[in-house]
Structure formats: C-alpha cells, structure tokens
Amino acid sequence: MMATLREILRYLRLNAFWRSSFRMRSIVATKRSEDQPIYISLSTTPERIAKIGPAIASLMDQAVMPDRIFLCIAKKSRKGQAYKIPGFLSGNPLVEIRWVEKDLGPATKWFYSCQTDDIEERSSIIVLDDDQVYPKQLVEHYLHCRKQFPGAAFTLLGWPVPTTGRHTDRKCVSAGKVRILGADDRIEVTESPRQVHCMQGASSYMITKGMLKPTADYFEKYKATNFADDILISGLLADSQVPVYVLPGPFRFIRLHSLRMMRAPSLYNNTNRSSDYNDQLYRLFEKSWPAV
C-alpha cells in the first residue's frame, strides 16, 4: 500500500512541479557496474512538444540514469508544421534534440536512433512515448532484464498475436503490480518472465541498436507502418528472430498518463482508433511470429 502511495505522490509531484527538474544543477548519472550504454529515445509533435515536461521530468528522476535522452523530431511534421523548441529543453545536459530527415509518425521515436552511426551497436535503447509519466525504476528494471536475457528485447506491456488476427482481441501481459488506469481489462500481471510477440510503445520497450537495421522502404510501401509502429518493430524483431520478454517489475504502475497531455491529439484517438492498421501489420508479418 505504501509503495503504491509513493508512486502516486511522485506522479502528482512530477505533474505539478515538473519545471523544477529542469532547473536542477548538473545531472549526475548513477554509476553502473557495466559499460554497455543505455539511451532513451522518443519523439513528439508540434502540438505536443510544449506539454512534454512531465514525461521528460520522469526520465530525469530515475534510480539509475540513462546516458542520454534523445528527442527525435523532423524540421517539419507530416502536416507541414514547424517545431518550436520550448525553453525548458534548451541546454539540458541529459536531453539531446536530434533533428531527423523525415517525420515517420510514431516510428520516428525509434527508427533514427537505430540508424545513427554515433552510438555503438551494442547500445540499449529504451523507446517510449511523450505523454506518460514513467516509474523511477524504469532504467534500473531494463538493466536487470538485459542481464537476465542477453540478446532479447523487453517491454513493460506486451501480448501474443491474437489467434483471430484482430488487435481488439489481444490479451496483454504487464510488468506492473497494478493494472494501469484506464487500460483494457484483458491484462494479466505477470509474476515470472513471459515471452510475447508484441511490445507497446506507450508502456516502453528496450531493444539493442544492432538487433535490426530497418529501412525507409517499409514506410513508403506499407501505409499501415506510418500509424502502427508497435506492431512494425515487433514484426521486424520477429523477422530477425529476436525474442521479446515481459519481466515482472518492482513498480506498481508501468505508466500513468501525463495530466498536461490529457486533451492532446493522438493517433489512438484519431487515425488508428479502429485498429485497422494494427490488423494489417499482423498479416504482413504472419510468417515471422514465433511460437510463445
């Protein structure tokens, strides 16, 4: 009970006083026993970037700090809008704004970090969304996962491909001890490592940079890849025979929605609300999904 209360109080603090995180003195990362780098990668939109503060603050409030946080954004969005970088992101020693070639929709948050030449192939990349407050043990948990299952990918919420091929029929496995607020009722909280097919970006996942080398061809050839990136990257991992696991975490909530983003536009509430694009990608990779 006390642990749950602590997480809720942290959530409220980060929503109410997130600006204080950006006024901190220099941020010193907790030393790790191994030297394998670990980065966080995310993207946003012109309409949402000014509201990204609580999400970034939760990533700067970690028990074990990442090496860097990459914010991947194009000079113009797919709607032709330019980005205005808010002052609280300027000069941050941990956050690096990465201007990328093209807006690929939600896949922007992982595609370019996998393509870049300036981080090592063995680097771990935690991919997540801009509208969530993440647990304090997020990075620490993924480091534990990496030690348990070297060569695998990990997520805090995943699922096997539904036998019906319909995204709305999925049954999820969660790493948290408490079901996330507002989530689908068909979520099982796991008490042991579970292999799944698919990773949910909103809840975060971790890959190793060298696991896959995606090309922009997918985004040109298949319209669905521009709107359902979770199934796309999960399918690419399946193509590369990389297993995906959900491991039970030390936290109660795997994520909580940022209050500042409650009314912000999103793909779930608009373009991909019907899940049709997810269903198309299940079929695209139907020969690649392993038995789990």
C-alpha atoms as a PDB file:
ATOM      1  CA  MET A   1       0.000   0.000   0.000  1.00  0.00           C
ATOM      2  CA  MET A   2       2.765   2.446   0.931  1.00  0.00           C
ATOM      3  CA  ALA A   3       4.658   1.680  -2.282  1.00  0.00           C
ATOM      4  CA  THR A   4       1.544   2.436  -4.332  1.00  0.00           C
ATOM      5  CA  LEU A   5       1.014   5.693  -2.436  1.00  0.00           C
ATOM      6  CA  ARG A   6       4.646   6.728  -3.039  1.00  0.00           C
ATOM      7  CA  GLU A   7       4.248   6.202  -6.779  1.00  0.00           C
ATOM      8  CA  ILE A   8       1.014   8.210  -6.882  1.00  0.00           C
ATOM      9  CA  LEU A   9       2.600  11.060  -4.887  1.00  0.00           C
ATOM     10  CA  ARG A  10       5.589  11.071  -7.264  1.00  0.00           C
ATOM     11  CA  TYR A  11       3.189  11.182 -10.207  1.00  0.00           C
ATOM     12  CA  LEU A  12       1.355  14.180  -8.747  1.00  0.00           C
ATOM     13  CA  ARG A  13       4.646  15.924  -7.915  1.00  0.00           C
ATOM     14  CA  LEU A  14       6.043  15.472 -11.419  1.00  0.00           C
ATOM     15  CA  ASN A  15       2.827  16.788 -12.952  1.00  0.00           C
ATOM     16  CA  ALA A  16       2.609  19.806 -10.649  1.00  0.00           C
ATOM     17  CA  PHE A  17       6.292  20.719 -10.255  1.00  0.00           C
ATOM     18  CA  TRP A  18       7.934  19.277 -13.372  1.00  0.00           C
ATOM     19  CA  ARG A  19       9.695  22.572 -14.141  1.00  0.00           C
ATOM     20  CA  SER A  20      11.858  22.175 -11.038  1.00  0.00           C
ATOM     21  CA  SER A  21      13.504  19.137 -12.677  1.00  0.00           C
ATOM     22  CA  PHE A  22      14.776  21.388 -15.467  1.00  0.00           C
ATOM     23  CA  ARG A  23      16.183  23.937 -13.014  1.00  0.00           C
ATOM     24  CA  MET A  24      18.335  21.329 -11.266  1.00  0.00           C
ATOM     25  CA  ARG A  25      22.053  21.699 -11.006  1.00  0.00           C
ATOM     26  CA  SER A  26      24.078  19.438 -13.310  1.00  0.00           C
ATOM     27  CA  ILE A  27      22.561  15.967 -13.531  1.00  0.00           C
ATOM     28  CA  VAL A  28      24.940  13.227 -12.435  1.00  0.00           C
ATOM     29  CA  ALA A  29      24.201   9.718 -13.636  1.00  0.00           C
ATOM     30  CA  THR A  30      24.356   6.868 -11.151  1.00  0.00           C
ATOM     31  CA  LYS A  31      27.413   4.732 -11.901  1.00  0.00           C
ATOM     32  CA  ARG A  32      26.676   1.326 -13.363  1.00  0.00           C
ATOM     33  CA  SER A  33      28.764  -1.795 -12.975  1.00  0.00           C
ATOM     34  CA  GLU A  34      28.822  -2.474 -16.733  1.00  0.00           C
ATOM     35  CA  ASP A  35      29.853  -0.130 -19.513  1.00  0.00           C
ATOM     36  CA  GLN A  36      27.191  -1.062 -22.092  1.00  0.00           C
ATOM     37  CA  PRO A  37      25.491   2.262 -22.920  1.00  0.00           C
ATOM     38  CA  ILE A  38      21.760   2.769 -22.407  1.00  0.00           C
ATOM     39  CA  TYR A  39      19.776   5.544 -24.062  1.00  0.00           C
ATOM     40  CA  ILE A  40      16.156   6.695 -24.083  1.00  0.00           C
ATOM     41  CA  SER A  41      14.553   7.666 -27.383  1.00  0.00           C
ATOM     42  CA  LEU A  42      11.214   9.383 -28.019  1.00  0.00           C
ATOM     43  CA  SER A  43       9.526  11.783 -30.411  1.00  0.00           C
ATOM     44  CA  THR A  44       6.685  14.285 -30.269  1.00  0.00           C
ATOM     45  CA  THR A  45       4.590  16.573 -32.475  1.00  0.00           C
ATOM     46  CA  PRO A  46       4.438  20.372 -32.820  1.00  0.00           C
ATOM     47  CA  GLU A  47       1.109  20.397 -30.951  1.00  0.00           C
ATOM     48  CA  ARG A  48       2.501  18.356 -28.052  1.00  0.00           C
ATOM     49  CA  ILE A  49       6.111  19.450 -27.553  1.00  0.00           C
ATOM     50  CA  ALA A  50       5.262  22.277 -25.128  1.00  0.00           C
ATOM     51  CA  LYS A  51       3.428  19.749 -22.919  1.00  0.00           C
ATOM     52  CA  ILE A  52       6.221  17.174 -22.793  1.00  0.00           C
ATOM     53  CA  GLY A  53       7.642  18.403 -19.467  1.00  0.00           C
ATOM     54  CA  PRO A  54       6.211  15.784 -17.038  1.00  0.00           C
ATOM     55  CA  ALA A  55       7.294  12.867 -19.255  1.00  0.00           C
ATOM     56  CA  ILE A  56      10.867  14.177 -19.546  1.00  0.00           C
ATOM     57  CA  ALA A  57      10.925  15.008 -15.821  1.00  0.00           C
ATOM     58  CA  SER A  58      10.067  11.374 -15.008  1.00  0.00           C
ATOM     59  CA  LEU A  59      13.025  10.252 -17.151  1.00  0.00           C
ATOM     60  CA  MET A  60      15.330  12.665 -15.321  1.00  0.00           C
ATOM     61  CA  ASP A  61      14.089  11.285 -11.988  1.00  0.00           C
ATOM     62  CA  GLN A  62      15.474   7.758 -12.332  1.00  0.00           C
ATOM     63  CA  ALA A  63      17.119   5.486  -9.771  1.00  0.00           C
ATOM     64  CA  VAL A  64      19.711   4.745 -12.462  1.00  0.00           C
ATOM     65  CA  MET A  65      20.146   7.420 -15.107  1.00  0.00           C
ATOM     66  CA  PRO A  66      20.427   6.787 -18.856  1.00  0.00           C
ATOM     67  CA  ASP A  67      23.464   8.025 -20.749  1.00  0.00           C
ATOM     68  CA  ARG A  68      21.277  10.399 -22.767  1.00  0.00           C
ATOM     69  CA  ILE A  69      17.679  11.092 -23.737  1.00  0.00           C
ATOM     70  CA  PHE A  70      17.163  11.530 -27.491  1.00  0.00           C
ATOM     71  CA  LEU A  71      14.200  13.641 -28.613  1.00  0.00           C
ATOM     72  CA  CYS A  72      13.873  12.865 -32.336  1.00  0.00           C
ATOM     73  CA  ILE A  73      11.983  15.472 -34.350  1.00  0.00           C
ATOM     74  CA  ALA A  74      11.818  16.488 -38.008  1.00  0.00           C
ATOM     75  CA  LYS A  75      12.184  20.092 -39.098  1.00  0.00           C
ATOM     76  CA  LYS A  76       8.579  19.894 -40.213  1.00  0.00           C
ATOM     77  CA  SER A  77       5.824  17.491 -39.261  1.00  0.00           C
ATOM     78  CA  ARG A  78       3.820  15.453 -41.764  1.00  0.00           C
ATOM     79  CA  LYS A  79       1.270  18.276 -41.667  1.00  0.00           C
ATOM     80  CA  GLY A  80       3.980  20.759 -42.652  1.00  0.00           C
ATOM     81  CA  GLN A  81       4.169  22.361 -39.210  1.00  0.00           C
ATOM     82  CA  ALA A  82       7.484  23.587 -37.818  1.00  0.00           C
ATOM     83  CA  TYR A  83       8.625  22.793 -34.268  1.00  0.00           C
ATOM     84  CA  LYS A  84       9.187  25.478 -31.663  1.00  0.00           C
ATOM     85  CA  ILE A  85      11.584  24.165 -29.027  1.00  0.00           C
ATOM     86  CA  PRO A  86      10.411  25.249 -25.549  1.00  0.00           C
ATOM     87  CA  GLY A  87      12.953  26.943 -23.320  1.00  0.00           C
ATOM     88  CA  PHE A  88      12.964  24.212 -20.673  1.00  0.00           C
ATOM     89  CA  LEU A  89      14.527  21.780 -23.189  1.00  0.00           C
ATOM     90  CA  SER A  90      17.346  24.118 -24.197  1.00  0.00           C
ATOM     91  CA  GLY A  91      20.731  23.500 -22.620  1.00  0.00           C
ATOM     92  CA  ASN A  92      19.610  20.387 -20.766  1.00  0.00           C
ATOM     93  CA  PRO A  93      22.719  18.214 -20.149  1.00  0.00           C
ATOM     94  CA  LEU A  94      20.741  14.985 -20.459  1.00  0.00           C
ATOM     95  CA  VAL A  95      18.300  15.739 -23.303  1.00  0.00           C
ATOM     96  CA  GLU A  96      19.632  15.847 -26.861  1.00  0.00           C
ATOM     97  CA  ILE A  97      17.341  17.137 -29.595  1.00  0.00           C
ATOM     98  CA  ARG A  98      18.023  15.159 -32.758  1.00  0.00           C
ATOM     99  CA  TRP A  99      16.815  16.777 -35.954  1.00  0.00           C
ATOM    100  CA  VAL A 100      15.897  13.954 -38.323  1.00  0.00           C
ATOM    101  CA  GLU A 101      15.360  13.735 -42.060  1.00  0.00           C
ATOM    102  CA  LYS A 102      11.644  12.959 -42.226  1.00  0.00           C
ATOM    103  CA  ASP A 103       8.623  12.667 -39.955  1.00  0.00           C
ATOM    104  CA  LEU A 104       7.746   8.954 -39.931  1.00  0.00           C
ATOM    105  CA  GLY A 105       4.886   9.308 -37.490  1.00  0.00           C
ATOM    106  CA  PRO A 106       5.217   7.327 -34.241  1.00  0.00           C
ATOM    107  CA  ALA A 107       8.111   5.267 -35.681  1.00  0.00           C
ATOM    108  CA  THR A 108      10.240   8.436 -35.586  1.00  0.00           C
ATOM    109  CA  LYS A 109      10.923   7.692 -31.934  1.00  0.00           C
ATOM    110  CA  TRP A 110      12.951   4.535 -32.695  1.00  0.00           C
ATOM    111  CA  PHE A 111      13.819   4.442 -36.413  1.00  0.00           C
ATOM    112  CA  TYR A 112      16.513   7.134 -36.422  1.00  0.00           C
ATOM    113  CA  SER A 113      18.099   6.014 -33.149  1.00  0.00           C
ATOM    114  CA  CYS A 114      18.545   2.563 -34.717  1.00  0.00           C
ATOM    115  CA  GLN A 115      20.051   4.118 -37.860  1.00  0.00           C
ATOM    116  CA  THR A 116      22.533   6.576 -36.342  1.00  0.00           C
ATOM    117  CA  ASP A 117      26.262   5.864 -36.553  1.00  0.00           C
ATOM    118  CA  ASP A 118      27.271   7.802 -33.444  1.00  0.00           C
ATOM    119  CA  ILE A 119      26.179   5.258 -30.834  1.00  0.00           C
ATOM    120  CA  GLU A 120      27.545   1.733 -30.514  1.00  0.00           C
ATOM    121  CA  GLU A 121      25.775  -1.307 -31.965  1.00  0.00           C
ATOM    122  CA  ARG A 122      25.678  -2.890 -28.501  1.00  0.00           C
ATOM    123  CA  SER A 123      23.895   0.132 -27.015  1.00  0.00           C
ATOM    124  CA  SER A 124      20.497  -0.440 -25.440  1.00  0.00           C
ATOM    125  CA  ILE A 125      17.706   1.938 -26.459  1.00  0.00           C
ATOM    126  CA  ILE A 126      14.589   2.407 -24.336  1.00  0.00           C
ATOM    127  CA  VAL A 127      11.770   3.629 -26.570  1.00  0.00           C
ATOM    128  CA  LEU A 128       8.716   5.334 -25.097  1.00  0.00           C
ATOM    129  CA  ASP A 129       6.014   7.972 -25.549  1.00  0.00           C
ATOM    130  CA  ASP A 130       5.858  11.687 -24.812  1.00  0.00           C
ATOM    131  CA  ASP A 131       2.598  11.663 -22.837  1.00  0.00           C
ATOM    132  CA  GLN A 132       3.351   9.302 -19.955  1.00  0.00           C
ATOM    133  CA  VAL A 133       4.957   9.568 -16.523  1.00  0.00           C
ATOM    134  CA  TYR A 134       7.249   6.547 -16.163  1.00  0.00           C
ATOM    135  CA  PRO A 135       8.335   4.750 -12.962  1.00  0.00           C
ATOM    136  CA  LYS A 136      11.502   5.738 -11.134  1.00  0.00           C
ATOM    137  CA  GLN A 137      12.917   2.219 -11.587  1.00  0.00           C
ATOM    138  CA  LEU A 138      12.366   2.145 -15.366  1.00  0.00           C
ATOM    139  CA  VAL A 139      16.028   2.176 -16.450  1.00  0.00           C
ATOM    140  CA  GLU A 140      17.078   0.027 -13.496  1.00  0.00           C
ATOM    141  CA  HIS A 141      14.463  -2.601 -14.407  1.00  0.00           C
ATOM    142  CA  TYR A 142      15.582  -2.786 -18.018  1.00  0.00           C
ATOM    143  CA  LEU A 143      19.196  -3.225 -16.909  1.00  0.00           C
ATOM    144  CA  HIS A 144      18.036  -6.184 -14.820  1.00  0.00           C
ATOM    145  CA  CYS A 145      16.178  -7.590 -17.852  1.00  0.00           C
ATOM    146  CA  ARG A 146      19.294  -7.254 -20.002  1.00  0.00           C
ATOM    147  CA  LYS A 147      21.311  -9.315 -17.537  1.00  0.00           C
ATOM    148  CA  GLN A 148      18.618 -11.994 -17.281  1.00  0.00           C
ATOM    149  CA  PHE A 149      18.102 -12.494 -21.022  1.00  0.00           C
ATOM    150  CA  PRO A 150      21.045 -11.204 -23.083  1.00  0.00           C
ATOM    151  CA  GLY A 151      20.164 -10.739 -26.729  1.00  0.00           C
ATOM    152  CA  ALA A 152      16.431 -10.263 -26.131  1.00  0.00           C
ATOM    153  CA  ALA A 153      14.119  -7.257 -26.376  1.00  0.00           C
ATOM    154  CA  PHE A 154      11.873  -6.246 -23.480  1.00  0.00           C
ATOM    155  CA  THR A 155       8.680  -4.348 -22.776  1.00  0.00           C
ATOM    156  CA  LEU A 156       6.565  -3.429 -19.754  1.00  0.00           C
ATOM    157  CA  LEU A 157       3.375  -4.412 -21.609  1.00  0.00           C
ATOM    158  CA  GLY A 158       3.216  -6.967 -24.389  1.00  0.00           C
ATOM    159  CA  TRP A 159       0.967  -9.574 -25.936  1.00  0.00           C
ATOM    160  CA  PRO A 160       0.943 -12.593 -28.238  1.00  0.00           C
ATOM    161  CA  VAL A 161      -0.561 -12.010 -31.674  1.00  0.00           C
ATOM    162  CA  PRO A 162      -4.301 -12.751 -31.305  1.00  0.00           C
ATOM    163  CA  THR A 163      -5.318 -16.001 -32.982  1.00  0.00           C
ATOM    164  CA  THR A 164      -8.107 -14.067 -34.706  1.00  0.00           C
ATOM    165  CA  GLY A 165      -5.619 -11.575 -36.145  1.00  0.00           C
ATOM    166  CA  ARG A 166      -7.720  -8.764 -34.684  1.00  0.00           C
ATOM    167  CA  HIS A 167      -5.913  -6.254 -32.494  1.00  0.00           C
ATOM    168  CA  THR A 168      -9.013  -5.707 -30.375  1.00  0.00           C
ATOM    169  CA  ASP A 169      -8.847  -9.384 -29.293  1.00  0.00           C
ATOM    170  CA  ARG A 170      -5.345  -9.167 -27.805  1.00  0.00           C
ATOM    171  CA  LYS A 171      -4.654 -10.283 -24.223  1.00  0.00           C
ATOM    172  CA  CYS A 172      -1.829  -8.351 -22.622  1.00  0.00           C
ATOM    173  CA  VAL A 173       0.863  -9.211 -20.093  1.00  0.00           C
ATOM    174  CA  SER A 174       2.005  -6.426 -17.743  1.00  0.00           C
ATOM    175  CA  ALA A 175       5.217  -5.973 -15.741  1.00  0.00           C
ATOM    176  CA  GLY A 176       3.486  -3.773 -13.138  1.00  0.00           C
ATOM    177  CA  LYS A 177       1.816  -4.921  -9.950  1.00  0.00           C
ATOM    178  CA  VAL A 178      -1.246  -2.718 -10.508  1.00  0.00           C
ATOM    179  CA  ARG A 179      -3.220  -2.511 -13.740  1.00  0.00           C
ATOM    180  CA  ILE A 180      -2.669   0.874 -15.377  1.00  0.00           C
ATOM    181  CA  LEU A 181      -5.519   3.318 -15.008  1.00  0.00           C
ATOM    182  CA  GLY A 182      -7.914   3.300 -17.932  1.00  0.00           C
ATOM    183  CA  ALA A 183      -6.349   0.216 -19.504  1.00  0.00           C
ATOM    184  CA  ASP A 184      -8.125  -2.688 -21.145  1.00  0.00           C
ATOM    185  CA  ASP A 185      -9.474  -5.235 -18.652  1.00  0.00           C
ATOM    186  CA  ARG A 186      -7.767  -8.062 -20.528  1.00  0.00           C
ATOM    187  CA  ILE A 187      -4.408  -7.503 -18.853  1.00  0.00           C
ATOM    188  CA  GLU A 188      -2.601 -10.126 -16.804  1.00  0.00           C
ATOM    189  CA  VAL A 189       0.001  -9.006 -14.276  1.00  0.00           C
ATOM    190  CA  THR A 190       2.851 -11.490 -14.614  1.00  0.00           C
ATOM    191  CA  GLU A 191       4.871 -12.861 -11.710  1.00  0.00           C
ATOM    192  CA  SER A 192       7.506 -14.551 -13.885  1.00  0.00           C
ATOM    193  CA  PRO A 193       9.259 -13.822 -17.211  1.00  0.00           C
ATOM    194  CA  ARG A 194       6.882 -14.221 -20.154  1.00  0.00           C
ATOM    195  CA  GLN A 195       7.693 -14.315 -23.839  1.00  0.00           C
ATOM    196  CA  VAL A 196       5.348 -12.307 -26.070  1.00  0.00           C
ATOM    197  CA  HIS A 197       5.219 -11.216 -29.707  1.00  0.00           C
ATOM    198  CA  CYS A 198       4.424  -7.524 -29.475  1.00  0.00           C
ATOM    199  CA  MET A 199       5.660  -4.539 -27.470  1.00  0.00           C
ATOM    200  CA  GLN A 200       3.644  -1.471 -26.519  1.00  0.00           C
ATOM    201  CA  GLY A 201       5.471   1.804 -27.062  1.00  0.00           C
ATOM    202  CA  ALA A 202       3.260   3.750 -24.650  1.00  0.00           C
ATOM    203  CA  SER A 203       4.405   1.446 -21.847  1.00  0.00           C
ATOM    204  CA  SER A 204       8.009   1.483 -23.175  1.00  0.00           C
ATOM    205  CA  TYR A 205      10.287  -1.190 -24.568  1.00  0.00           C
ATOM    206  CA  MET A 206      14.024  -1.769 -24.844  1.00  0.00           C
ATOM    207  CA  ILE A 207      15.979  -3.025 -27.837  1.00  0.00           C
ATOM    208  CA  THR A 208      19.666  -3.254 -28.680  1.00  0.00           C
ATOM    209  CA  LYS A 209      20.679  -0.980 -31.546  1.00  0.00           C
ATOM    210  CA  GLY A 210      22.327  -3.782 -33.526  1.00  0.00           C
ATOM    211  CA  MET A 211      19.251  -6.034 -33.425  1.00  0.00           C
ATOM    212  CA  LEU A 212      17.738  -4.671 -36.620  1.00  0.00           C
ATOM    213  CA  LYS A 213      18.503  -2.313 -39.458  1.00  0.00           C
ATOM    214  CA  PRO A 214      15.154  -1.056 -40.721  1.00  0.00           C
ATOM    215  CA  THR A 215      14.953   0.856 -43.977  1.00  0.00           C
ATOM    216  CA  ALA A 216      12.629   3.651 -45.024  1.00  0.00           C
ATOM    217  CA  ASP A 217      11.182   1.333 -47.698  1.00  0.00           C
ATOM    218  CA  TYR A 218       8.625  -0.021 -45.229  1.00  0.00           C
ATOM    219  CA  PHE A 219       7.141   3.422 -44.722  1.00  0.00           C
ATOM    220  CA  GLU A 220       6.865   4.025 -48.461  1.00  0.00           C
ATOM    221  CA  LYS A 221       5.447   0.605 -49.308  1.00  0.00           C
ATOM    222  CA  TYR A 222       3.008  -0.009 -46.456  1.00  0.00           C
ATOM    223  CA  LYS A 223       0.744   2.813 -45.287  1.00  0.00           C
ATOM    224  CA  ALA A 224      -0.016   0.979 -42.032  1.00  0.00           C
ATOM    225  CA  THR A 225       3.603   1.344 -40.875  1.00  0.00           C
ATOM    226  CA  ASN A 226       3.105   5.091 -40.549  1.00  0.00           C
ATOM    227  CA  PHE A 227       0.407   4.650 -37.918  1.00  0.00           C
ATOM    228  CA  ALA A 228       1.042   1.363 -36.043  1.00  0.00           C
ATOM    229  CA  ASP A 229       4.721   1.342 -35.160  1.00  0.00           C
ATOM    230  CA  ASP A 230       4.426  -1.068 -32.210  1.00  0.00           C
ATOM    231  CA  ILE A 231       3.457  -3.971 -34.476  1.00  0.00           C
ATOM    232  CA  LEU A 232       6.016  -2.892 -37.077  1.00  0.00           C
ATOM    233  CA  ILE A 233       9.035  -3.024 -34.780  1.00  0.00           C
ATOM    234  CA  SER A 234       7.740  -6.211 -33.137  1.00  0.00           C
ATOM    235  CA  GLY A 235       7.427  -7.813 -36.577  1.00  0.00           C
ATOM    236  CA  LEU A 236      10.920  -6.701 -37.571  1.00  0.00           C
ATOM    237  CA  LEU A 237      12.288  -8.274 -34.382  1.00  0.00           C
ATOM    238  CA  ALA A 238      10.397 -11.478 -35.197  1.00  0.00           C
ATOM    239  CA  ASP A 239      11.944 -11.402 -38.691  1.00  0.00           C
ATOM    240  CA  SER A 240      15.369 -11.190 -37.021  1.00  0.00           C
ATOM    241  CA  GLN A 241      14.474 -13.992 -34.564  1.00  0.00           C
ATOM    242  CA  VAL A 242      14.875 -11.716 -31.544  1.00  0.00           C
ATOM    243  CA  PRO A 243      12.714 -12.896 -28.608  1.00  0.00           C
ATOM    244  CA  VAL A 244      10.624 -10.382 -26.658  1.00  0.00           C
ATOM    245  CA  TYR A 245      10.006 -10.708 -22.908  1.00  0.00           C
ATOM    246  CA  VAL A 246       7.943  -9.107 -20.169  1.00  0.00           C
ATOM    247  CA  LEU A 247       9.634  -9.409 -16.764  1.00  0.00           C
ATOM    248  CA  PRO A 248       7.840  -8.510 -13.510  1.00  0.00           C
ATOM    249  CA  GLY A 249       9.000  -5.113 -12.283  1.00  0.00           C
ATOM    250  CA  PRO A 250       9.485  -3.577  -8.822  1.00  0.00           C
ATOM    251  CA  PHE A 251       6.892  -0.861  -9.514  1.00  0.00           C
ATOM    252  CA  ARG A 252       3.112  -0.792  -9.166  1.00  0.00           C
ATOM    253  CA  PHE A 253       2.246   1.299 -12.233  1.00  0.00           C
ATOM    254  CA  ILE A 254       4.117   0.781 -15.512  1.00  0.00           C
ATOM    255  CA  ARG A 255       2.967   4.228 -16.637  1.00  0.00           C
ATOM    256  CA  LEU A 256       0.472   6.955 -15.793  1.00  0.00           C
ATOM    257  CA  HIS A 257      -0.842   9.454 -18.315  1.00  0.00           C
ATOM    258  CA  SER A 258       0.616  12.943 -18.047  1.00  0.00           C
ATOM    259  CA  LEU A 259      -2.075  15.387 -16.938  1.00  0.00           C
ATOM    260  CA  ARG A 260      -0.742  18.016 -19.353  1.00  0.00           C
ATOM    261  CA  MET A 261      -1.374  15.666 -22.287  1.00  0.00           C
ATOM    262  CA  MET A 262      -4.919  14.593 -21.389  1.00  0.00           C
ATOM    263  CA  ARG A 263      -6.501  16.578 -24.240  1.00  0.00           C
ATOM    264  CA  ALA A 264      -3.599  16.447 -26.675  1.00  0.00           C
ATOM    265  CA  PRO A 265      -4.285  14.877 -30.105  1.00  0.00           C
ATOM    266  CA  SER A 266      -3.033  11.302 -30.553  1.00  0.00           C
ATOM    267  CA  LEU A 267      -3.141   8.513 -33.120  1.00  0.00           C
ATOM    268  CA  TYR A 268      -5.175   6.287 -30.812  1.00  0.00           C
ATOM    269  CA  ASN A 269      -7.926   8.864 -30.549  1.00  0.00           C
ATOM    270  CA  ASN A 270      -7.859   9.694 -34.251  1.00  0.00           C
ATOM    271  CA  THR A 271      -6.179   7.881 -37.157  1.00  0.00           C
ATOM    272  CA  ASN A 272      -5.722   4.414 -35.613  1.00  0.00           C
ATOM    273  CA  ARG A 273      -8.712   4.300 -33.301  1.00  0.00           C
ATOM    274  CA  SER A 274     -10.268   1.373 -35.188  1.00  0.00           C
ATOM    275  CA  SER A 275      -7.004  -0.664 -35.019  1.00  0.00           C
ATOM    276  CA  ASP A 276      -7.257  -1.484 -38.745  1.00  0.00           C
ATOM    277  CA  TYR A 277      -3.590  -0.614 -39.296  1.00  0.00           C
ATOM    278  CA  ASN A 278      -2.541  -2.958 -36.483  1.00  0.00           C
ATOM    279  CA  ASP A 279      -4.512  -5.790 -38.085  1.00  0.00           C
ATOM    280  CA  GLN A 280      -2.801  -5.152 -41.431  1.00  0.00           C
ATOM    281  CA  LEU A 281       0.640  -5.432 -39.831  1.00  0.00           C
ATOM    282  CA  TYR A 282      -0.231  -8.677 -38.051  1.00  0.00           C
ATOM    283  CA  ARG A 283      -0.918 -10.100 -41.515  1.00  0.00           C
ATOM    284  CA  LEU A 284       2.227  -8.571 -43.019  1.00  0.00           C
ATOM    285  CA  PHE A 285       4.419 -10.491 -40.551  1.00  0.00           C
ATOM    286  CA  GLU A 286       2.216 -13.580 -40.169  1.00  0.00           C
ATOM    287  CA  LYS A 287       5.018 -15.951 -41.262  1.00  0.00           C
ATOM    288  CA  SER A 288       7.506 -14.468 -38.806  1.00  0.00           C
ATOM    289  CA  TRP A 289       5.755 -14.668 -35.433  1.00  0.00           C
ATOM    290  CA  PRO A 290       7.401 -17.378 -33.272  1.00  0.00           C
ATOM    291  CA  ALA A 291       5.599 -19.829 -31.004  1.00  0.00           C
ATOM    292  CA  VAL A 292       5.288 -18.419 -27.467  1.00  0.00           C
END
